[in-house]
Amino acid sequence: MHIDIAEVRIKERTLYLLLAIDRTSKLALAKMETEANRYTPTVITQALARVGFR
């Protein structure tokens, strides 16, 4: 599992693109957030749990 965060600037706003990729199951999930801190990766792991990833 690889989780990455990228900062995306659109005009005067900054958004954060969260991307999780699992090469074994070929599952990828992307999510945009308005804030990023040290707990931000938890957001994407919770989203993965909702889609049934173990």
N, C-alpha and C. Protein backbone atom coordinates (compact mmCIF):
# COMPACT_ATOMS: atom_id res chain seq x y z
N MET A 1 0.84 -1.17 0.00
CA MET A 1 0.00 0.00 0.00
C MET A 1 0.89 1.23 0.00
N HIS A 2 0.60 2.14 -0.87
CA HIS A 2 1.33 3.40 -0.94
C HIS A 2 0.32 4.53 -0.81
N ILE A 3 0.56 5.44 0.11
CA ILE A 3 -0.30 6.62 0.30
C ILE A 3 0.54 7.86 0.04
N ASP A 4 0.01 8.75 -0.78
CA ASP A 4 0.73 9.97 -1.13
C ASP A 4 -0.20 11.17 -0.99
N ILE A 5 0.38 12.33 -0.68
CA ILE A 5 -0.37 13.57 -0.57
C ILE A 5 0.29 14.61 -1.47
N ALA A 6 -0.51 15.28 -2.29
CA ALA A 6 0.00 16.33 -3.17
C ALA A 6 -0.80 17.60 -2.94
N GLU A 7 -0.11 18.71 -2.92
CA GLU A 7 -0.76 20.01 -2.76
C GLU A 7 -1.14 20.54 -4.13
N VAL A 8 -2.42 20.91 -4.29
CA VAL A 8 -2.93 21.41 -5.56
C VAL A 8 -3.44 22.82 -5.33
N ARG A 9 -2.88 23.78 -6.05
CA ARG A 9 -3.31 25.18 -5.92
C ARG A 9 -4.16 25.57 -7.11
N ILE A 10 -5.37 26.01 -6.79
CA ILE A 10 -6.32 26.46 -7.80
C ILE A 10 -6.73 27.87 -7.45
N LYS A 11 -6.31 28.82 -8.27
CA LYS A 11 -6.51 30.24 -8.01
C LYS A 11 -6.01 30.59 -6.61
N GLU A 12 -6.89 30.96 -5.71
CA GLU A 12 -6.47 31.36 -4.37
C GLU A 12 -6.67 30.27 -3.33
N ARG A 13 -7.13 29.10 -3.76
CA ARG A 13 -7.38 27.98 -2.84
C ARG A 13 -6.28 26.94 -2.93
N THR A 14 -6.05 26.27 -1.83
CA THR A 14 -5.13 25.14 -1.80
C THR A 14 -5.91 23.91 -1.37
N LEU A 15 -5.86 22.89 -2.19
CA LEU A 15 -6.50 21.62 -1.88
C LEU A 15 -5.41 20.55 -1.78
N TYR A 16 -5.73 19.46 -1.13
CA TYR A 16 -4.76 18.38 -0.96
C TYR A 16 -5.34 17.11 -1.57
N LEU A 17 -4.60 16.54 -2.49
CA LEU A 17 -5.00 15.31 -3.15
C LEU A 17 -4.38 14.15 -2.40
N LEU A 18 -5.22 13.28 -1.87
CA LEU A 18 -4.77 12.07 -1.18
C LEU A 18 -4.94 10.91 -2.14
N LEU A 19 -3.91 10.12 -2.29
CA LEU A 19 -3.93 9.02 -3.23
C LEU A 19 -3.42 7.77 -2.55
N ALA A 20 -4.18 6.71 -2.61
CA ALA A 20 -3.77 5.41 -2.07
C ALA A 20 -3.76 4.40 -3.22
N ILE A 21 -2.67 3.68 -3.34
CA ILE A 21 -2.53 2.69 -4.40
C ILE A 21 -2.07 1.37 -3.80
N ASP A 22 -2.78 0.30 -4.12
CA ASP A 22 -2.36 -1.03 -3.72
C ASP A 22 -2.11 -1.82 -5.00
N ARG A 23 -0.86 -2.14 -5.26
CA ARG A 23 -0.50 -2.82 -6.51
C ARG A 23 -0.96 -4.27 -6.53
N THR A 24 -1.06 -4.90 -5.38
CA THR A 24 -1.46 -6.30 -5.33
C THR A 24 -2.91 -6.48 -5.77
N SER A 25 -3.81 -5.70 -5.19
CA SER A 25 -5.23 -5.82 -5.53
C SER A 25 -5.64 -4.90 -6.67
N LYS A 26 -4.71 -4.07 -7.14
CA LYS A 26 -4.97 -3.10 -8.22
C LYS A 26 -6.08 -2.12 -7.84
N LEU A 27 -6.10 -1.74 -6.58
CA LEU A 27 -7.07 -0.78 -6.06
C LEU A 27 -6.40 0.58 -5.93
N ALA A 28 -7.09 1.61 -6.41
CA ALA A 28 -6.60 2.97 -6.26
C ALA A 28 -7.76 3.84 -5.78
N LEU A 29 -7.46 4.76 -4.89
CA LEU A 29 -8.48 5.65 -4.35
C LEU A 29 -7.89 7.04 -4.24
N ALA A 30 -8.61 8.04 -4.73
CA ALA A 30 -8.18 9.43 -4.65
C ALA A 30 -9.25 10.23 -3.93
N LYS A 31 -8.82 11.21 -3.15
CA LYS A 31 -9.75 12.04 -2.38
C LYS A 31 -9.14 13.43 -2.25
N MET A 32 -9.98 14.45 -2.39
CA MET A 32 -9.53 15.83 -2.21
C MET A 32 -9.97 16.33 -0.83
N GLU A 33 -9.06 16.99 -0.14
CA GLU A 33 -9.33 17.55 1.19
C GLU A 33 -8.94 19.03 1.19
N THR A 34 -9.55 19.79 2.08
CA THR A 34 -9.23 21.21 2.19
C THR A 34 -8.11 21.47 3.20
N GLU A 35 -7.84 20.50 4.06
CA GLU A 35 -6.79 20.65 5.06
C GLU A 35 -5.89 19.42 5.05
N ALA A 36 -4.65 19.61 5.43
CA ALA A 36 -3.73 18.48 5.57
C ALA A 36 -2.90 18.69 6.82
N ASN A 37 -2.86 17.65 7.65
CA ASN A 37 -2.02 17.66 8.83
C ASN A 37 -1.53 16.23 9.04
N ARG A 38 -0.98 15.95 10.19
CA ARG A 38 -0.43 14.61 10.38
C ARG A 38 -1.49 13.52 10.50
N TYR A 39 -2.75 13.91 10.66
CA TYR A 39 -3.84 12.94 10.73
C TYR A 39 -4.54 12.74 9.39
N THR A 40 -4.17 13.48 8.39
CA THR A 40 -4.81 13.40 7.09
C THR A 40 -4.76 12.00 6.47
N PRO A 41 -3.66 11.26 6.55
CA PRO A 41 -3.68 9.90 5.99
C PRO A 41 -4.75 8.99 6.61
N THR A 42 -5.19 9.31 7.81
CA THR A 42 -6.27 8.54 8.43
C THR A 42 -7.55 8.64 7.61
N VAL A 43 -7.76 9.77 6.98
CA VAL A 43 -8.97 9.98 6.16
C VAL A 43 -9.01 8.97 5.03
N ILE A 44 -7.90 8.77 4.36
CA ILE A 44 -7.90 7.85 3.22
C ILE A 44 -7.96 6.39 3.68
N THR A 45 -7.38 6.07 4.82
CA THR A 45 -7.48 4.70 5.31
C THR A 45 -8.91 4.38 5.75
N GLN A 46 -9.61 5.36 6.30
CA GLN A 46 -11.02 5.16 6.65
C GLN A 46 -11.87 4.98 5.40
N ALA A 47 -11.55 5.74 4.34
CA ALA A 47 -12.28 5.59 3.08
C ALA A 47 -12.03 4.21 2.48
N LEU A 48 -10.80 3.72 2.59
CA LEU A 48 -10.50 2.36 2.11
C LEU A 48 -11.29 1.31 2.88
N ALA A 49 -11.43 1.52 4.18
CA ALA A 49 -12.20 0.57 5.00
C ALA A 49 -13.66 0.55 4.58
N ARG A 50 -14.20 1.72 4.17
CA ARG A 50 -15.60 1.78 3.74
C ARG A 50 -15.85 1.02 2.43
N VAL A 51 -14.83 0.96 1.56
CA VAL A 51 -15.01 0.23 0.30
C VAL A 51 -14.65 -1.24 0.45
N GLY A 52 -14.26 -1.65 1.64
CA GLY A 52 -14.02 -3.06 1.90
C GLY A 52 -12.59 -3.53 1.75
N PHE A 53 -11.63 -2.61 1.68
CA PHE A 53 -10.22 -3.00 1.58
C PHE A 53 -9.73 -3.48 2.94
N ARG A 54 -8.99 -4.59 2.96
CA ARG A 54 -8.44 -5.11 4.23
C ARG A 54 -6.95 -5.15 4.17
